Amino acid sequence: MFLSRYLPKDVYFLHNIRILQDDYYFQMDTVILSPSFITILEIKYLVGHLYFDDQFSQLIRTYEGKKEAFPNPIEQVERQKLHLFKILNQYKFTSLPIEALVVITNPSSIIEASPTYQEASEKVIRSSSLQQKYEYLSRKHPNILYTHKEIKKLSKILSKVSSSYDPDVCNLYKINKHELIRGVFCSKCDHSSMNYDWGNWYCSTCSYSSKTAHITALQDYALLISHTITTSECSDYLNLSSKKQAYNLLRLLDLPFTGNRKSRKYNLEPLLEKTT
């Protein structure tokens, strides 16, 4: 995450933490531990017009003329906060305050909230505002409550009690990965070979076009094949004409990655909880 470059060395980042608490697994996308406070980040990659409604506690997404309702991510991250608070009490880290944020990572999405939803204006941010928001929270919690050594210990505790859930779907259902149909399916007619040209996917069967049809295909890749992908693998899987097209598509998704451009591997996990 880009924010890590701007934070002190005594701050720890934890990703995809999944902990059993009261016979229930709760999962946090990202947890930032500092000697003064903890921040939980619920990452959402959603396209379209996003409207946070406090009257019925829902997120309404309008995209390509279609309205959909989603569970309220603000309530989701607040539940995570409650569960984490109990875990901290269990391990005697009772003094650390917890902040919770919903981070919208798609830069083209429009974010709105009902006028009475004050909590949305405080807790929902774009990824580009994360550094500024964290600096604000640091000023809000200026007191050093634990030493660097203690925060490091807490980081190890949370990592140790976290249990991942990552079943091999192909193995589970006896599917040969090499027999999977590659390419981008058309959501309108289920034709499997949409063509990519000038920033759009086109279906030769029904003439439907979409700028984001590849995201669903990459979600399938993450679930069925691997959580990481290279530009070469992406180009092959999406049936693109060049690696440059794959690079541009992956870059625009703003996914975390490791390695330089030639050996770069993109982490597709953020897409698994993001509906397109």
C-alpha atoms as a PDB file:
ATOM      1  CA  MET A   1       0.000   0.000   0.000  1.00  0.00           C
ATOM      2  CA  PHE A   2       1.377   3.410  -0.988  1.00  0.00           C
ATOM      3  CA  LEU A   3       0.629   4.881   2.460  1.00  0.00           C
ATOM      4  CA  SER A   4       3.361   2.768   4.050  1.00  0.00           C
ATOM      5  CA  ARG A   5       6.032   4.979   2.444  1.00  0.00           C
ATOM      6  CA  TYR A   6       4.866   7.998   4.426  1.00  0.00           C
ATOM      7  CA  LEU A   7       4.463   6.494   7.898  1.00  0.00           C
ATOM      8  CA  PRO A   8       6.928   6.088  10.785  1.00  0.00           C
ATOM      9  CA  LYS A   9       8.820   2.819  11.229  1.00  0.00           C
ATOM     10  CA  ASP A  10       6.879   1.973  14.391  1.00  0.00           C
ATOM     11  CA  VAL A  11       3.671   1.513  12.357  1.00  0.00           C
ATOM     12  CA  TYR A  12       2.697  -1.981  11.214  1.00  0.00           C
ATOM     13  CA  PHE A  13       0.449  -3.032   8.336  1.00  0.00           C
ATOM     14  CA  LEU A  14      -1.541  -6.262   8.432  1.00  0.00           C
ATOM     15  CA  HIS A  15      -3.602  -7.491   5.484  1.00  0.00           C
ATOM     16  CA  ASN A  16      -6.498  -9.955   5.247  1.00  0.00           C
ATOM     17  CA  ILE A  17      -6.674 -10.651   8.966  1.00  0.00           C
ATOM     18  CA  ARG A  18      -9.330 -13.280   9.745  1.00  0.00           C
ATOM     19  CA  ILE A  19      -9.923 -14.073  13.431  1.00  0.00           C
ATOM     20  CA  LEU A  20     -12.329 -16.367  15.264  1.00  0.00           C
ATOM     21  CA  GLN A  21     -14.161 -14.465  17.982  1.00  0.00           C
ATOM     22  CA  ASP A  22     -17.322 -15.679  19.780  1.00  0.00           C
ATOM     23  CA  ASP A  23     -17.705 -18.584  17.297  1.00  0.00           C
ATOM     24  CA  TYR A  24     -17.657 -16.114  14.409  1.00  0.00           C
ATOM     25  CA  TYR A  25     -14.886 -15.317  11.934  1.00  0.00           C
ATOM     26  CA  PHE A  26     -14.479 -11.623  11.237  1.00  0.00           C
ATOM     27  CA  GLN A  27     -12.152 -10.424   8.510  1.00  0.00           C
ATOM     28  CA  MET A  28     -10.390  -7.095   8.074  1.00  0.00           C
ATOM     29  CA  ASP A  29      -8.911  -6.004   4.754  1.00  0.00           C
ATOM     30  CA  THR A  30      -6.130  -3.897   6.278  1.00  0.00           C
ATOM     31  CA  VAL A  31      -5.166  -3.040   9.850  1.00  0.00           C
ATOM     32  CA  ILE A  32      -2.675  -0.266  10.649  1.00  0.00           C
ATOM     33  CA  LEU A  33      -1.093  -0.532  14.096  1.00  0.00           C
ATOM     34  CA  SER A  34       0.626   2.429  15.707  1.00  0.00           C
ATOM     35  CA  PRO A  35       1.699   3.191  19.297  1.00  0.00           C
ATOM     36  CA  SER A  36      -1.202   5.666  19.550  1.00  0.00           C
ATOM     37  CA  PHE A  37      -4.166   4.075  17.771  1.00  0.00           C
ATOM     38  CA  ILE A  38      -5.352   1.386  15.362  1.00  0.00           C
ATOM     39  CA  THR A  39      -7.010   1.949  11.994  1.00  0.00           C
ATOM     40  CA  ILE A  40      -9.167  -0.620  10.201  1.00  0.00           C
ATOM     41  CA  LEU A  41      -9.563  -0.151   6.454  1.00  0.00           C
ATOM     42  CA  GLU A  42     -12.448  -1.763   4.600  1.00  0.00           C
ATOM     43  CA  ILE A  43     -11.442  -1.614   0.931  1.00  0.00           C
ATOM     44  CA  LYS A  44     -14.165  -1.392  -1.703  1.00  0.00           C
ATOM     45  CA  TYR A  45     -13.594  -1.426  -5.454  1.00  0.00           C
ATOM     46  CA  LEU A  46     -16.997  -0.370  -6.784  1.00  0.00           C
ATOM     47  CA  VAL A  47     -17.751   1.359 -10.053  1.00  0.00           C
ATOM     48  CA  GLY A  48     -20.636   3.694 -10.759  1.00  0.00           C
ATOM     49  CA  HIS A  49     -22.614   6.103  -8.593  1.00  0.00           C
ATOM     50  CA  LEU A  50     -22.438   5.117  -4.909  1.00  0.00           C
ATOM     51  CA  TYR A  51     -25.051   6.437  -2.490  1.00  0.00           C
ATOM     52  CA  PHE A  52     -24.806   5.780   1.252  1.00  0.00           C
ATOM     53  CA  ASP A  53     -28.309   5.679   2.737  1.00  0.00           C
ATOM     54  CA  ASP A  54     -28.651   5.873   6.513  1.00  0.00           C
ATOM     55  CA  GLN A  55     -32.448   5.584   6.569  1.00  0.00           C
ATOM     56  CA  PHE A  56     -32.378   1.952   5.433  1.00  0.00           C
ATOM     57  CA  SER A  57     -28.704   1.334   6.181  1.00  0.00           C
ATOM     58  CA  GLN A  58     -27.618   0.382   2.690  1.00  0.00           C
ATOM     59  CA  LEU A  59     -25.260   1.283  -0.103  1.00  0.00           C
ATOM     60  CA  ILE A  60     -27.055   1.913  -3.394  1.00  0.00           C
ATOM     61  CA  ARG A  61     -24.965   1.542  -6.535  1.00  0.00           C
ATOM     62  CA  THR A  62     -26.187   2.835  -9.904  1.00  0.00           C
ATOM     63  CA  TYR A  63     -24.192   1.529 -12.833  1.00  0.00           C
ATOM     64  CA  GLU A  64     -25.057   1.397 -16.527  1.00  0.00           C
ATOM     65  CA  GLY A  65     -28.665   2.319 -15.750  1.00  0.00           C
ATOM     66  CA  LYS A  66     -29.113  -0.421 -13.143  1.00  0.00           C
ATOM     67  CA  LYS A  67     -29.649   0.154  -9.408  1.00  0.00           C
ATOM     68  CA  GLU A  68     -28.409  -2.358  -6.834  1.00  0.00           C
ATOM     69  CA  ALA A  69     -28.423  -2.392  -3.036  1.00  0.00           C
ATOM     70  CA  PHE A  70     -25.426  -3.631  -1.040  1.00  0.00           C
ATOM     71  CA  PRO A  71     -24.879  -4.142   2.700  1.00  0.00           C
ATOM     72  CA  ASN A  72     -23.648  -0.976   4.350  1.00  0.00           C
ATOM     73  CA  PRO A  73     -19.814  -1.160   4.503  1.00  0.00           C
ATOM     74  CA  ILE A  74     -19.785   1.434   7.299  1.00  0.00           C
ATOM     75  CA  GLU A  75     -21.742  -0.953   9.518  1.00  0.00           C
ATOM     76  CA  GLN A  76     -19.481  -3.767   8.363  1.00  0.00           C
ATOM     77  CA  VAL A  77     -16.298  -2.011   9.451  1.00  0.00           C
ATOM     78  CA  GLU A  78     -17.928  -0.941  12.729  1.00  0.00           C
ATOM     79  CA  ARG A  79     -18.672  -4.614  13.488  1.00  0.00           C
ATOM     80  CA  GLN A  80     -15.036  -5.405  12.760  1.00  0.00           C
ATOM     81  CA  LYS A  81     -14.067  -2.659  15.181  1.00  0.00           C
ATOM     82  CA  LEU A  82     -16.203  -4.206  17.930  1.00  0.00           C
ATOM     83  CA  HIS A  83     -14.730  -7.664  17.400  1.00  0.00           C
ATOM     84  CA  LEU A  84     -11.179  -6.318  17.321  1.00  0.00           C
ATOM     85  CA  PHE A  85     -11.802  -4.418  20.547  1.00  0.00           C
ATOM     86  CA  LYS A  86     -12.675  -7.712  22.255  1.00  0.00           C
ATOM     87  CA  ILE A  87      -9.510  -9.327  20.901  1.00  0.00           C
ATOM     88  CA  LEU A  88      -7.410  -6.431  22.217  1.00  0.00           C
ATOM     89  CA  ASN A  89      -8.986  -6.824  25.634  1.00  0.00           C
ATOM     90  CA  GLN A  90      -8.205 -10.513  25.557  1.00  0.00           C
ATOM     91  CA  TYR A  91      -4.495  -9.754  25.047  1.00  0.00           C
ATOM     92  CA  LYS A  92      -4.407  -6.792  27.459  1.00  0.00           C
ATOM     93  CA  PHE A  93      -4.101  -4.024  24.866  1.00  0.00           C
ATOM     94  CA  THR A  94      -7.034  -2.175  26.341  1.00  0.00           C
ATOM     95  CA  SER A  95      -5.876   1.416  25.873  1.00  0.00           C
ATOM     96  CA  LEU A  96      -5.584   1.600  22.082  1.00  0.00           C
ATOM     97  CA  PRO A  97      -8.445   3.497  20.401  1.00  0.00           C
ATOM     98  CA  ILE A  98      -9.692   2.063  17.096  1.00  0.00           C
ATOM     99  CA  GLU A  99     -10.622   4.079  14.021  1.00  0.00           C
ATOM    100  CA  ALA A 100     -12.568   2.543  11.118  1.00  0.00           C
ATOM    101  CA  LEU A 101     -12.611   3.733   7.498  1.00  0.00           C
ATOM    102  CA  VAL A 102     -14.225   2.626   4.234  1.00  0.00           C
ATOM    103  CA  VAL A 103     -11.847   3.232   1.330  1.00  0.00           C
ATOM    104  CA  ILE A 104     -13.254   3.486  -2.203  1.00  0.00           C
ATOM    105  CA  THR A 105     -10.412   2.628  -4.575  1.00  0.00           C
ATOM    106  CA  ASN A 106     -12.063   3.184  -7.962  1.00  0.00           C
ATOM    107  CA  PRO A 107     -11.117   6.763  -8.919  1.00  0.00           C
ATOM    108  CA  SER A 108     -13.992   7.102 -11.402  1.00  0.00           C
ATOM    109  CA  SER A 109     -16.757   6.263  -8.913  1.00  0.00           C
ATOM    110  CA  ILE A 110     -19.077   9.045  -7.719  1.00  0.00           C
ATOM    111  CA  ILE A 111     -19.614   9.016  -3.950  1.00  0.00           C
ATOM    112  CA  GLU A 112     -22.633  10.570  -2.275  1.00  0.00           C
ATOM    113  CA  ALA A 113     -24.495  10.170   1.012  1.00  0.00           C
ATOM    114  CA  SER A 114     -27.866  11.225   2.347  1.00  0.00           C
ATOM    115  CA  PRO A 115     -27.653  14.694   3.961  1.00  0.00           C
ATOM    116  CA  THR A 116     -28.323  13.262   7.416  1.00  0.00           C
ATOM    117  CA  TYR A 117     -25.595  10.609   7.197  1.00  0.00           C
ATOM    118  CA  GLN A 118     -22.805  12.354   9.075  1.00  0.00           C
ATOM    119  CA  GLU A 119     -20.940   9.113   9.704  1.00  0.00           C
ATOM    120  CA  ALA A 120     -20.521   8.567   5.954  1.00  0.00           C
ATOM    121  CA  SER A 121     -18.759  11.904   5.499  1.00  0.00           C
ATOM    122  CA  GLU A 122     -16.390  10.999   8.336  1.00  0.00           C
ATOM    123  CA  LYS A 123     -15.638   7.371   7.501  1.00  0.00           C
ATOM    124  CA  VAL A 124     -15.878   7.025   3.704  1.00  0.00           C
ATOM    125  CA  ILE A 125     -12.859   8.258   1.746  1.00  0.00           C
ATOM    126  CA  ARG A 126     -11.126   7.761  -1.570  1.00  0.00           C
ATOM    127  CA  SER A 127      -7.790   5.954  -1.589  1.00  0.00           C
ATOM    128  CA  SER A 128      -6.113   9.178  -2.757  1.00  0.00           C
ATOM    129  CA  SER A 129      -7.192  10.838   0.526  1.00  0.00           C
ATOM    130  CA  LEU A 130      -5.883   8.085   2.783  1.00  0.00           C
ATOM    131  CA  GLN A 131      -2.596   9.756   3.685  1.00  0.00           C
ATOM    132  CA  GLN A 132      -4.319  13.039   4.558  1.00  0.00           C
ATOM    133  CA  LYS A 133      -6.967  11.214   6.610  1.00  0.00           C
ATOM    134  CA  TYR A 134      -4.344   9.237   8.501  1.00  0.00           C
ATOM    135  CA  GLU A 135      -2.459  12.427   9.352  1.00  0.00           C
ATOM    136  CA  TYR A 136      -5.718  13.863  10.712  1.00  0.00           C
ATOM    137  CA  LEU A 137      -6.255  10.750  12.866  1.00  0.00           C
ATOM    138  CA  SER A 138      -2.669  10.999  14.116  1.00  0.00           C
ATOM    139  CA  ARG A 139      -3.347  14.536  15.332  1.00  0.00           C
ATOM    140  CA  LYS A 140      -6.573  13.298  16.932  1.00  0.00           C
ATOM    141  CA  HIS A 141      -4.629  10.614  18.860  1.00  0.00           C
ATOM    142  CA  PRO A 142      -1.292  12.250  19.746  1.00  0.00           C
ATOM    143  CA  ASN A 143      -0.533  10.272  22.906  1.00  0.00           C
ATOM    144  CA  ILE A 144       1.969   7.394  22.751  1.00  0.00           C
ATOM    145  CA  LEU A 145       0.255   4.546  24.609  1.00  0.00           C
ATOM    146  CA  TYR A 146       2.571   1.618  23.844  1.00  0.00           C
ATOM    147  CA  THR A 147       6.214   1.150  22.956  1.00  0.00           C
ATOM    148  CA  HIS A 148       7.461   0.056  19.555  1.00  0.00           C
ATOM    149  CA  LYS A 149       8.267  -3.339  21.056  1.00  0.00           C
ATOM    150  CA  GLU A 150       4.719  -3.729  22.371  1.00  0.00           C
ATOM    151  CA  ILE A 151       3.151  -2.795  19.024  1.00  0.00           C
ATOM    152  CA  LYS A 152       5.429  -5.271  17.299  1.00  0.00           C
ATOM    153  CA  LYS A 153       4.234  -7.894  19.765  1.00  0.00           C
ATOM    154  CA  LEU A 154       0.593  -7.028  18.999  1.00  0.00           C
ATOM    155  CA  SER A 155       1.305  -7.344  15.288  1.00  0.00           C
ATOM    156  CA  LYS A 156       2.696 -10.834  15.837  1.00  0.00           C
ATOM    157  CA  ILE A 157      -0.279 -11.811  18.004  1.00  0.00           C
ATOM    158  CA  LEU A 158      -2.854 -10.751  15.408  1.00  0.00           C
ATOM    159  CA  SER A 159      -0.917 -12.449  12.623  1.00  0.00           C
ATOM    160  CA  LYS A 160      -0.656 -15.616  14.682  1.00  0.00           C
ATOM    161  CA  VAL A 161      -4.353 -15.845  15.583  1.00  0.00           C
ATOM    162  CA  SER A 162      -5.397 -15.005  12.019  1.00  0.00           C
ATOM    163  CA  SER A 163      -6.482 -17.999   9.948  1.00  0.00           C
ATOM    164  CA  SER A 164      -6.797 -17.720   6.194  1.00  0.00           C
ATOM    165  CA  TYR A 165      -9.620 -19.204   4.178  1.00  0.00           C
ATOM    166  CA  ASP A 166      -8.352 -19.873   0.705  1.00  0.00           C
ATOM    167  CA  PRO A 167      -9.718 -23.144  -0.686  1.00  0.00           C
ATOM    168  CA  ASP A 168      -8.409 -24.463  -3.990  1.00  0.00           C
ATOM    169  CA  VAL A 169     -11.707 -24.334  -5.858  1.00  0.00           C
ATOM    170  CA  CYS A 170     -10.459 -26.316  -8.839  1.00  0.00           C
ATOM    171  CA  ASN A 171      -9.138 -29.080  -6.599  1.00  0.00           C
ATOM    172  CA  LEU A 172     -12.296 -28.982  -4.494  1.00  0.00           C
ATOM    173  CA  TYR A 173     -14.515 -29.584  -7.515  1.00  0.00           C
ATOM    174  CA  LYS A 174     -12.023 -31.746  -9.481  1.00  0.00           C
ATOM    175  CA  ILE A 175     -11.537 -29.150 -12.244  1.00  0.00           C
ATOM    176  CA  ASN A 176      -8.451 -29.246 -14.453  1.00  0.00           C
ATOM    177  CA  LYS A 177      -7.128 -25.664 -14.524  1.00  0.00           C
ATOM    178  CA  HIS A 178      -5.785 -26.117 -18.048  1.00  0.00           C
ATOM    179  CA  GLU A 179      -9.280 -26.903 -19.321  1.00  0.00           C
ATOM    180  CA  LEU A 180     -10.783 -23.617 -18.104  1.00  0.00           C
ATOM    181  CA  ILE A 181     -12.234 -21.448 -20.866  1.00  0.00           C
ATOM    182  CA  ARG A 182     -10.202 -18.282 -21.190  1.00  0.00           C
ATOM    183  CA  GLY A 183     -11.331 -14.866 -22.292  1.00  0.00           C
ATOM    184  CA  VAL A 184     -13.895 -12.306 -21.206  1.00  0.00           C
ATOM    185  CA  PHE A 185     -17.530 -13.395 -21.148  1.00  0.00           C
ATOM    186  CA  CYS A 186     -20.275 -11.053 -22.238  1.00  0.00           C
ATOM    187  CA  SER A 187     -22.645 -10.445 -19.322  1.00  0.00           C
ATOM    188  CA  LYS A 188     -25.554  -9.905 -21.716  1.00  0.00           C
ATOM    189  CA  CYS A 189     -25.424 -13.036 -23.862  1.00  0.00           C
ATOM    190  CA  ASP A 190     -22.689 -15.163 -22.156  1.00  0.00           C
ATOM    191  CA  HIS A 191     -20.599 -15.237 -25.335  1.00  0.00           C
ATOM    192  CA  SER A 192     -17.086 -16.128 -24.224  1.00  0.00           C
ATOM    193  CA  SER A 193     -14.915 -14.092 -26.563  1.00  0.00           C
ATOM    194  CA  MET A 194     -15.379 -10.375 -26.171  1.00  0.00           C
ATOM    195  CA  ASN A 195     -12.788  -8.385 -28.076  1.00  0.00           C
ATOM    196  CA  TYR A 196     -10.788  -5.533 -26.560  1.00  0.00           C
ATOM    197  CA  ASP A 197     -10.137  -2.404 -28.594  1.00  0.00           C
ATOM    198  CA  TRP A 198      -9.504   1.239 -27.703  1.00  0.00           C
ATOM    199  CA  GLY A 199     -10.408   0.888 -24.032  1.00  0.00           C
ATOM    200  CA  ASN A 200     -13.631  -1.085 -24.531  1.00  0.00           C
ATOM    201  CA  TRP A 201     -14.713  -4.703 -24.608  1.00  0.00           C
ATOM    202  CA  TYR A 202     -17.036  -5.536 -27.513  1.00  0.00           C
ATOM    203  CA  CYS A 203     -19.258  -8.574 -27.966  1.00  0.00           C
ATOM    204  CA  SER A 204     -19.427  -9.659 -31.611  1.00  0.00           C
ATOM    205  CA  THR A 205     -22.639 -11.593 -30.945  1.00  0.00           C
ATOM    206  CA  CYS A 206     -24.923  -9.003 -29.332  1.00  0.00           C
ATOM    207  CA  SER A 207     -22.858  -5.798 -29.841  1.00  0.00           C
ATOM    208  CA  TYR A 208     -22.743  -5.093 -26.083  1.00  0.00           C
ATOM    209  CA  SER A 209     -19.757  -3.017 -24.956  1.00  0.00           C
ATOM    210  CA  SER A 210     -18.195  -2.477 -21.540  1.00  0.00           C
ATOM    211  CA  LYS A 211     -15.091  -0.827 -20.117  1.00  0.00           C
ATOM    212  CA  THR A 212     -14.915  -3.131 -17.081  1.00  0.00           C
ATOM    213  CA  ALA A 213     -15.872  -6.603 -18.341  1.00  0.00           C
ATOM    214  CA  HIS A 214     -12.337  -7.859 -17.603  1.00  0.00           C
ATOM    215  CA  ILE A 215     -12.757  -7.374 -13.844  1.00  0.00           C
ATOM    216  CA  THR A 216     -15.193 -10.272 -13.546  1.00  0.00           C
ATOM    217  CA  ALA A 217     -12.769 -12.453 -15.512  1.00  0.00           C
ATOM    218  CA  LEU A 218      -9.923 -11.486 -13.169  1.00  0.00           C
ATOM    219  CA  GLN A 219     -12.102 -12.279 -10.152  1.00  0.00           C
ATOM    220  CA  ASP A 220     -12.635 -15.749 -11.630  1.00  0.00           C
ATOM    221  CA  TYR A 221      -8.873 -16.053 -12.184  1.00  0.00           C
ATOM    222  CA  ALA A 222      -8.219 -15.178  -8.531  1.00  0.00           C
ATOM    223  CA  LEU A 223     -10.755 -17.737  -7.327  1.00  0.00           C
ATOM    224  CA  LEU A 224      -9.859 -20.563  -9.681  1.00  0.00           C
ATOM    225  CA  ILE A 225      -6.183 -20.204 -10.566  1.00  0.00           C
ATOM    226  CA  SER A 226      -4.137 -17.784  -8.436  1.00  0.00           C
ATOM    227  CA  HIS A 227      -4.415 -14.640  -6.323  1.00  0.00           C
ATOM    228  CA  THR A 228      -1.484 -13.141  -8.237  1.00  0.00           C
ATOM    229  CA  ILE A 229      -1.054 -12.513 -11.948  1.00  0.00           C
ATOM    230  CA  THR A 230       1.647 -11.169 -14.260  1.00  0.00           C
ATOM    231  CA  THR A 231       1.048  -9.058 -17.368  1.00  0.00           C
ATOM    232  CA  SER A 232       1.916 -12.058 -19.523  1.00  0.00           C
ATOM    233  CA  GLU A 233      -0.556 -14.306 -17.683  1.00  0.00           C
ATOM    234  CA  CYS A 234      -3.197 -11.584 -17.843  1.00  0.00           C
ATOM    235  CA  SER A 235      -2.697 -11.112 -21.578  1.00  0.00           C
ATOM    236  CA  ASP A 236      -3.018 -14.848 -22.153  1.00  0.00           C
ATOM    237  CA  TYR A 237      -6.025 -15.329 -19.857  1.00  0.00           C
ATOM    238  CA  LEU A 238      -8.018 -12.381 -21.250  1.00  0.00           C
ATOM    239  CA  ASN A 239      -7.068 -13.202 -24.864  1.00  0.00           C
ATOM    240  CA  LEU A 240      -5.513  -9.790 -25.374  1.00  0.00           C
ATOM    241  CA  SER A 241      -3.416  -8.942 -28.416  1.00  0.00           C
ATOM    242  CA  SER A 242      -0.482  -7.546 -26.422  1.00  0.00           C
ATOM    243  CA  LYS A 243       1.122  -7.457 -22.984  1.00  0.00           C
ATOM    244  CA  LYS A 244       0.907  -3.659 -23.114  1.00  0.00           C
ATOM    245  CA  GLN A 245      -2.894  -3.893 -23.066  1.00  0.00           C
ATOM    246  CA  ALA A 246      -2.688  -6.197 -20.045  1.00  0.00           C
ATOM    247  CA  TYR A 247      -0.294  -3.817 -18.291  1.00  0.00           C
ATOM    248  CA  ASN A 248      -2.600  -0.848 -18.843  1.00  0.00           C
ATOM    249  CA  LEU A 249      -5.679  -2.737 -17.606  1.00  0.00           C
ATOM    250  CA  LEU A 250      -3.919  -3.941 -14.453  1.00  0.00           C
ATOM    251  CA  ARG A 251      -2.389  -0.521 -13.777  1.00  0.00           C
ATOM    252  CA  LEU A 252      -5.795   1.178 -13.950  1.00  0.00           C
ATOM    253  CA  LEU A 253      -7.165  -1.231 -11.329  1.00  0.00           C
ATOM    254  CA  ASP A 254      -4.693   0.241  -8.797  1.00  0.00           C
ATOM    255  CA  LEU A 255      -3.862  -3.215  -7.416  1.00  0.00           C
ATOM    256  CA  PRO A 256      -0.999  -3.846  -4.986  1.00  0.00           C
ATOM    257  CA  PHE A 257       2.023  -5.458  -6.645  1.00  0.00           C
ATOM    258  CA  THR A 258       5.520  -6.761  -6.046  1.00  0.00           C
ATOM    259  CA  GLY A 259       8.571  -6.594  -8.291  1.00  0.00           C
ATOM    260  CA  ASN A 260       9.657  -4.227 -11.038  1.00  0.00           C
ATOM    261  CA  ARG A 261       7.793  -3.816 -14.321  1.00  0.00           C
ATOM    262  CA  LYS A 262       9.346  -6.860 -16.014  1.00  0.00           C
ATOM    263  CA  SER A 263       8.837  -9.229 -13.072  1.00  0.00           C
ATOM    264  CA  ARG A 264       5.797  -7.549 -11.553  1.00  0.00           C
ATOM    265  CA  LYS A 265       3.067  -9.645  -9.938  1.00  0.00           C
ATOM    266  CA  TYR A 266      -0.283  -8.028  -9.192  1.00  0.00           C
ATOM    267  CA  ASN A 267      -2.317  -9.092  -6.165  1.00  0.00           C
ATOM    268  CA  LEU A 268      -5.915  -9.771  -7.253  1.00  0.00           C
ATOM    269  CA  GLU A 269      -7.279 -10.274  -3.726  1.00  0.00           C
ATOM    270  CA  PRO A 270      -8.773  -6.742  -3.510  1.00  0.00           C
ATOM    271  CA  LEU A 271     -11.044  -7.665  -6.432  1.00  0.00           C
ATOM    272  CA  LEU A 272     -12.592 -10.619  -4.615  1.00  0.00           C
ATOM    273  CA  GLU A 273     -14.691  -8.398  -2.368  1.00  0.00           C
ATOM    274  CA  LYS A 274     -15.296  -5.758  -4.993  1.00  0.00           C
ATOM    275  CA  THR A 275     -18.337  -6.046  -7.133  1.00  0.00           C
ATOM    276  CA  THR A 276     -18.207  -4.498 -10.572  1.00  0.00           C
END
